Amino acid sequence: MKKLIPPILFLLCIATMGLIKNLIVIQEIIPKPFNYFGIALISTGLFMTIKVSKQFSKIDTEIHTFKKPRKLVTCGLFQVSRNPVYLGFTISLLGVWILLGTILPLVGCLIFIVITNYYYIPYEEETMEKIFGTDYKNYKSKVRRWI
């Protein structure tokens, strides 16, 4: 599973959602034009992930889940969430779900949340505690995992 990095999982979840929407025809629960609200969520989520990516690049630390971070980041969106990239991906997936307008593609969102919450985040938290020790534990005690 280490080979499946979060951005790839994100894209696979989007593909799964589109496939479900097209293979299993079910009544829309969010009709047009209301489903276009999903575009705003997709944009918001992608904006968050891009902002954090640029922040990591600027301060010269590692964003890749399975590589060693060089610095503990606690500013910007990290003041609100310990995992703003995952939160951004999740918000975007919820936007895709709303845009698709039916209930079943929600499965793609749930897959992403479960894998992220029970695999990626615990792995990263363990790594951060080993590298940054008390500083990370103090940060972790002040900022929630998601929001």
C-alpha atoms as a PDB file:
ATOM      1  CA  MET A   1       0.000   0.000   0.000  1.00  0.00           C
ATOM      2  CA  LYS A   2       3.001   2.331   0.392  1.00  0.00           C
ATOM      3  CA  LYS A   3       3.038   2.740  -3.369  1.00  0.00           C
ATOM      4  CA  LEU A   4      -0.477   4.202  -3.394  1.00  0.00           C
ATOM      5  CA  ILE A   5       0.210   7.820  -2.544  1.00  0.00           C
ATOM      6  CA  PRO A   6      -2.745  10.045  -1.553  1.00  0.00           C
ATOM      7  CA  PRO A   7      -3.022  12.008  -4.839  1.00  0.00           C
ATOM      8  CA  ILE A   8      -3.317   8.726  -6.751  1.00  0.00           C
ATOM      9  CA  LEU A   9      -5.933   7.459  -4.287  1.00  0.00           C
ATOM     10  CA  PHE A  10      -7.784  10.762  -4.779  1.00  0.00           C
ATOM     11  CA  LEU A  11      -7.825  10.301  -8.553  1.00  0.00           C
ATOM     12  CA  LEU A  12      -8.850   6.637  -8.230  1.00  0.00           C
ATOM     13  CA  CYS A  13     -11.746   7.677  -5.982  1.00  0.00           C
ATOM     14  CA  ILE A  14     -12.897  10.238  -8.572  1.00  0.00           C
ATOM     15  CA  ALA A  15     -12.736   7.567 -11.282  1.00  0.00           C
ATOM     16  CA  THR A  16     -14.668   5.160  -9.050  1.00  0.00           C
ATOM     17  CA  MET A  17     -17.328   7.789  -8.416  1.00  0.00           C
ATOM     18  CA  GLY A  18     -17.754   8.463 -12.129  1.00  0.00           C
ATOM     19  CA  LEU A  19     -17.897   4.748 -12.885  1.00  0.00           C
ATOM     20  CA  ILE A  20     -20.521   4.144 -10.216  1.00  0.00           C
ATOM     21  CA  LYS A  21     -22.600   7.056 -11.521  1.00  0.00           C
ATOM     22  CA  ASN A  22     -22.510   5.672 -15.053  1.00  0.00           C
ATOM     23  CA  LEU A  23     -22.907   1.960 -14.275  1.00  0.00           C
ATOM     24  CA  ILE A  24     -25.609   2.168 -11.647  1.00  0.00           C
ATOM     25  CA  VAL A  25     -28.357   4.474 -12.823  1.00  0.00           C
ATOM     26  CA  ILE A  26     -30.226   5.893  -9.875  1.00  0.00           C
ATOM     27  CA  GLN A  27     -32.447   8.907  -9.427  1.00  0.00           C
ATOM     28  CA  GLU A  28     -30.714  12.220  -8.906  1.00  0.00           C
ATOM     29  CA  ILE A  29     -30.938  13.610  -5.394  1.00  0.00           C
ATOM     30  CA  ILE A  30     -29.235  16.899  -6.273  1.00  0.00           C
ATOM     31  CA  PRO A  31     -30.718  18.198  -9.536  1.00  0.00           C
ATOM     32  CA  LYS A  32     -29.272  20.813 -11.854  1.00  0.00           C
ATOM     33  CA  PRO A  33     -28.427  23.642 -11.239  1.00  0.00           C
ATOM     34  CA  PHE A  34     -27.984  22.878  -7.511  1.00  0.00           C
ATOM     35  CA  ASN A  35     -25.390  20.216  -8.237  1.00  0.00           C
ATOM     36  CA  TYR A  36     -23.101  22.933  -9.638  1.00  0.00           C
ATOM     37  CA  PHE A  37     -22.359  23.889  -6.024  1.00  0.00           C
ATOM     38  CA  GLY A  38     -19.997  20.918  -6.233  1.00  0.00           C
ATOM     39  CA  ILE A  39     -17.704  22.982  -8.459  1.00  0.00           C
ATOM     40  CA  ALA A  40     -17.180  25.447  -5.601  1.00  0.00           C
ATOM     41  CA  LEU A  41     -16.246  22.596  -3.256  1.00  0.00           C
ATOM     42  CA  ILE A  42     -13.907  21.031  -5.803  1.00  0.00           C
ATOM     43  CA  SER A  43     -12.211  24.409  -6.292  1.00  0.00           C
ATOM     44  CA  THR A  44     -11.946  25.056  -2.545  1.00  0.00           C
ATOM     45  CA  GLY A  45     -10.418  21.656  -1.870  1.00  0.00           C
ATOM     46  CA  LEU A  46      -7.923  21.925  -4.722  1.00  0.00           C
ATOM     47  CA  PHE A  47      -7.005  25.461  -3.638  1.00  0.00           C
ATOM     48  CA  MET A  48      -6.214  24.120  -0.159  1.00  0.00           C
ATOM     49  CA  THR A  49      -3.983  21.325  -1.454  1.00  0.00           C
ATOM     50  CA  ILE A  50      -2.137  23.628  -3.847  1.00  0.00           C
ATOM     51  CA  LYS A  51      -1.638  26.239  -1.111  1.00  0.00           C
ATOM     52  CA  VAL A  52      -0.112  23.657   1.238  1.00  0.00           C
ATOM     53  CA  SER A  53       2.041  22.199  -1.542  1.00  0.00           C
ATOM     54  CA  LYS A  54       3.454  25.656  -2.277  1.00  0.00           C
ATOM     55  CA  GLN A  55       3.994  26.252   1.451  1.00  0.00           C
ATOM     56  CA  PHE A  56       5.957  22.988   1.768  1.00  0.00           C
ATOM     57  CA  SER A  57       8.055  23.877  -1.262  1.00  0.00           C
ATOM     58  CA  LYS A  58       8.750  27.376   0.073  1.00  0.00           C
ATOM     59  CA  ILE A  59       9.956  26.148   3.473  1.00  0.00           C
ATOM     60  CA  ASP A  60      11.768  23.174   1.912  1.00  0.00           C
ATOM     61  CA  THR A  61      10.115  20.216   3.569  1.00  0.00           C
ATOM     62  CA  GLU A  62       8.698  16.972   2.234  1.00  0.00           C
ATOM     63  CA  ILE A  63       5.028  16.654   1.274  1.00  0.00           C
ATOM     64  CA  HIS A  64       5.255  13.005   0.129  1.00  0.00           C
ATOM     65  CA  THR A  65       3.496  10.735   2.640  1.00  0.00           C
ATOM     66  CA  PHE A  66       6.213   8.093   2.716  1.00  0.00           C
ATOM     67  CA  LYS A  67       9.282  10.328   2.763  1.00  0.00           C
ATOM     68  CA  LYS A  68      10.932  11.878   5.803  1.00  0.00           C
ATOM     69  CA  PRO A  69       9.750  15.427   6.627  1.00  0.00           C
ATOM     70  CA  ARG A  70      12.513  17.957   7.263  1.00  0.00           C
ATOM     71  CA  LYS A  71      10.469  20.556   9.146  1.00  0.00           C
ATOM     72  CA  LEU A  72       7.367  20.616  11.336  1.00  0.00           C
ATOM     73  CA  VAL A  73       4.790  22.898   9.731  1.00  0.00           C
ATOM     74  CA  THR A  74       2.293  24.498  12.132  1.00  0.00           C
ATOM     75  CA  CYS A  75       1.403  27.740  10.356  1.00  0.00           C
ATOM     76  CA  GLY A  76      -1.149  28.603   7.677  1.00  0.00           C
ATOM     77  CA  LEU A  77      -3.842  25.977   7.194  1.00  0.00           C
ATOM     78  CA  PHE A  78      -2.006  23.772   9.712  1.00  0.00           C
ATOM     79  CA  GLN A  79      -3.351  26.052  12.443  1.00  0.00           C
ATOM     80  CA  VAL A  80      -6.853  24.741  11.669  1.00  0.00           C
ATOM     81  CA  SER A  81      -6.148  21.136  10.654  1.00  0.00           C
ATOM     82  CA  ARG A  82      -3.184  18.806  11.122  1.00  0.00           C
ATOM     83  CA  ASN A  83      -4.038  17.402   7.687  1.00  0.00           C
ATOM     84  CA  PRO A  84      -5.160  20.218   5.378  1.00  0.00           C
ATOM     85  CA  VAL A  85      -4.143  18.328   2.231  1.00  0.00           C
ATOM     86  CA  TYR A  86      -6.355  15.369   3.140  1.00  0.00           C
ATOM     87  CA  LEU A  87      -9.094  17.772   4.163  1.00  0.00           C
ATOM     88  CA  GLY A  88      -8.744  19.525   0.796  1.00  0.00           C
ATOM     89  CA  PHE A  89      -8.924  16.238  -1.093  1.00  0.00           C
ATOM     90  CA  THR A  90     -12.002  15.251   0.918  1.00  0.00           C
ATOM     91  CA  ILE A  91     -13.745  18.569   0.267  1.00  0.00           C
ATOM     92  CA  SER A  92     -13.013  18.155  -3.452  1.00  0.00           C
ATOM     93  CA  LEU A  93     -14.393  14.601  -3.427  1.00  0.00           C
ATOM     94  CA  LEU A  94     -17.558  15.826  -1.730  1.00  0.00           C
ATOM     95  CA  GLY A  95     -17.776  18.407  -4.510  1.00  0.00           C
ATOM     96  CA  VAL A  96     -17.474  15.686  -7.141  1.00  0.00           C
ATOM     97  CA  TRP A  97     -20.230  13.734  -5.370  1.00  0.00           C
ATOM     98  CA  ILE A  98     -22.556  16.759  -5.319  1.00  0.00           C
ATOM     99  CA  LEU A  99     -21.758  17.520  -8.963  1.00  0.00           C
ATOM    100  CA  LEU A 100     -22.653  13.939  -9.928  1.00  0.00           C
ATOM    101  CA  GLY A 101     -25.961  14.405  -8.102  1.00  0.00           C
ATOM    102  CA  THR A 102     -26.719  10.815  -7.016  1.00  0.00           C
ATOM    103  CA  ILE A 103     -26.154   9.043  -3.704  1.00  0.00           C
ATOM    104  CA  LEU A 104     -24.014   6.034  -4.674  1.00  0.00           C
ATOM    105  CA  PRO A 105     -20.851   7.905  -5.745  1.00  0.00           C
ATOM    106  CA  LEU A 106     -20.530   8.926  -2.097  1.00  0.00           C
ATOM    107  CA  VAL A 107     -18.756   5.564  -1.780  1.00  0.00           C
ATOM    108  CA  GLY A 108     -15.671   7.163  -3.375  1.00  0.00           C
ATOM    109  CA  CYS A 109     -15.582   9.816  -0.642  1.00  0.00           C
ATOM    110  CA  LEU A 110     -15.954   7.199   2.064  1.00  0.00           C
ATOM    111  CA  ILE A 111     -13.165   5.047   0.640  1.00  0.00           C
ATOM    112  CA  PHE A 112     -10.813   8.035   0.673  1.00  0.00           C
ATOM    113  CA  ILE A 113     -11.758   9.061   4.216  1.00  0.00           C
ATOM    114  CA  VAL A 114     -11.389   5.542   5.643  1.00  0.00           C
ATOM    115  CA  ILE A 115      -7.995   4.866   4.024  1.00  0.00           C
ATOM    116  CA  THR A 116      -6.720   8.318   4.946  1.00  0.00           C
ATOM    117  CA  ASN A 117      -7.955   8.243   8.530  1.00  0.00           C
ATOM    118  CA  TYR A 118      -6.885   4.692   9.323  1.00  0.00           C
ATOM    119  CA  TYR A 119      -3.743   4.299   7.227  1.00  0.00           C
ATOM    120  CA  TYR A 120      -2.078   7.477   5.925  1.00  0.00           C
ATOM    121  CA  ILE A 121      -2.622   9.716   8.948  1.00  0.00           C
ATOM    122  CA  PRO A 122      -1.552   7.179  11.609  1.00  0.00           C
ATOM    123  CA  TYR A 123       1.551   6.379   9.536  1.00  0.00           C
ATOM    124  CA  GLU A 124       2.417  10.071   9.247  1.00  0.00           C
ATOM    125  CA  GLU A 125       1.696  10.783  12.909  1.00  0.00           C
ATOM    126  CA  GLU A 126       4.015   7.986  13.993  1.00  0.00           C
ATOM    127  CA  THR A 127       6.745   9.346  11.716  1.00  0.00           C
ATOM    128  CA  MET A 128       6.234  12.900  12.965  1.00  0.00           C
ATOM    129  CA  GLU A 129       6.428  11.814  16.612  1.00  0.00           C
ATOM    130  CA  LYS A 130       9.683   9.956  15.956  1.00  0.00           C
ATOM    131  CA  ILE A 131      11.246  12.922  14.166  1.00  0.00           C
ATOM    132  CA  PHE A 132       9.847  15.922  16.049  1.00  0.00           C
ATOM    133  CA  GLY A 133       9.040  14.388  19.451  1.00  0.00           C
ATOM    134  CA  THR A 134       7.570  16.760  22.013  1.00  0.00           C
ATOM    135  CA  ASP A 135       7.125  19.592  19.506  1.00  0.00           C
ATOM    136  CA  TYR A 136       4.809  17.414  17.429  1.00  0.00           C
ATOM    137  CA  LYS A 137       2.988  16.055  20.488  1.00  0.00           C
ATOM    138  CA  ASN A 138       2.340  19.612  21.694  1.00  0.00           C
ATOM    139  CA  TYR A 139       1.085  20.627  18.248  1.00  0.00           C
ATOM    140  CA  LYS A 140      -1.070  17.500  18.069  1.00  0.00           C
ATOM    141  CA  SER A 141      -2.671  18.366  21.404  1.00  0.00           C
ATOM    142  CA  LYS A 142      -3.678  21.829  20.145  1.00  0.00           C
ATOM    143  CA  VAL A 143      -4.860  21.150  16.575  1.00  0.00           C
ATOM    144  CA  ARG A 144      -7.469  18.584  15.538  1.00  0.00           C
ATOM    145  CA  ARG A 145      -6.759  15.818  13.050  1.00  0.00           C
ATOM    146  CA  TRP A 146      -9.302  16.996  10.453  1.00  0.00           C
ATOM    147  CA  ILE A 147     -11.024  20.230  11.558  1.00  0.00           C
END
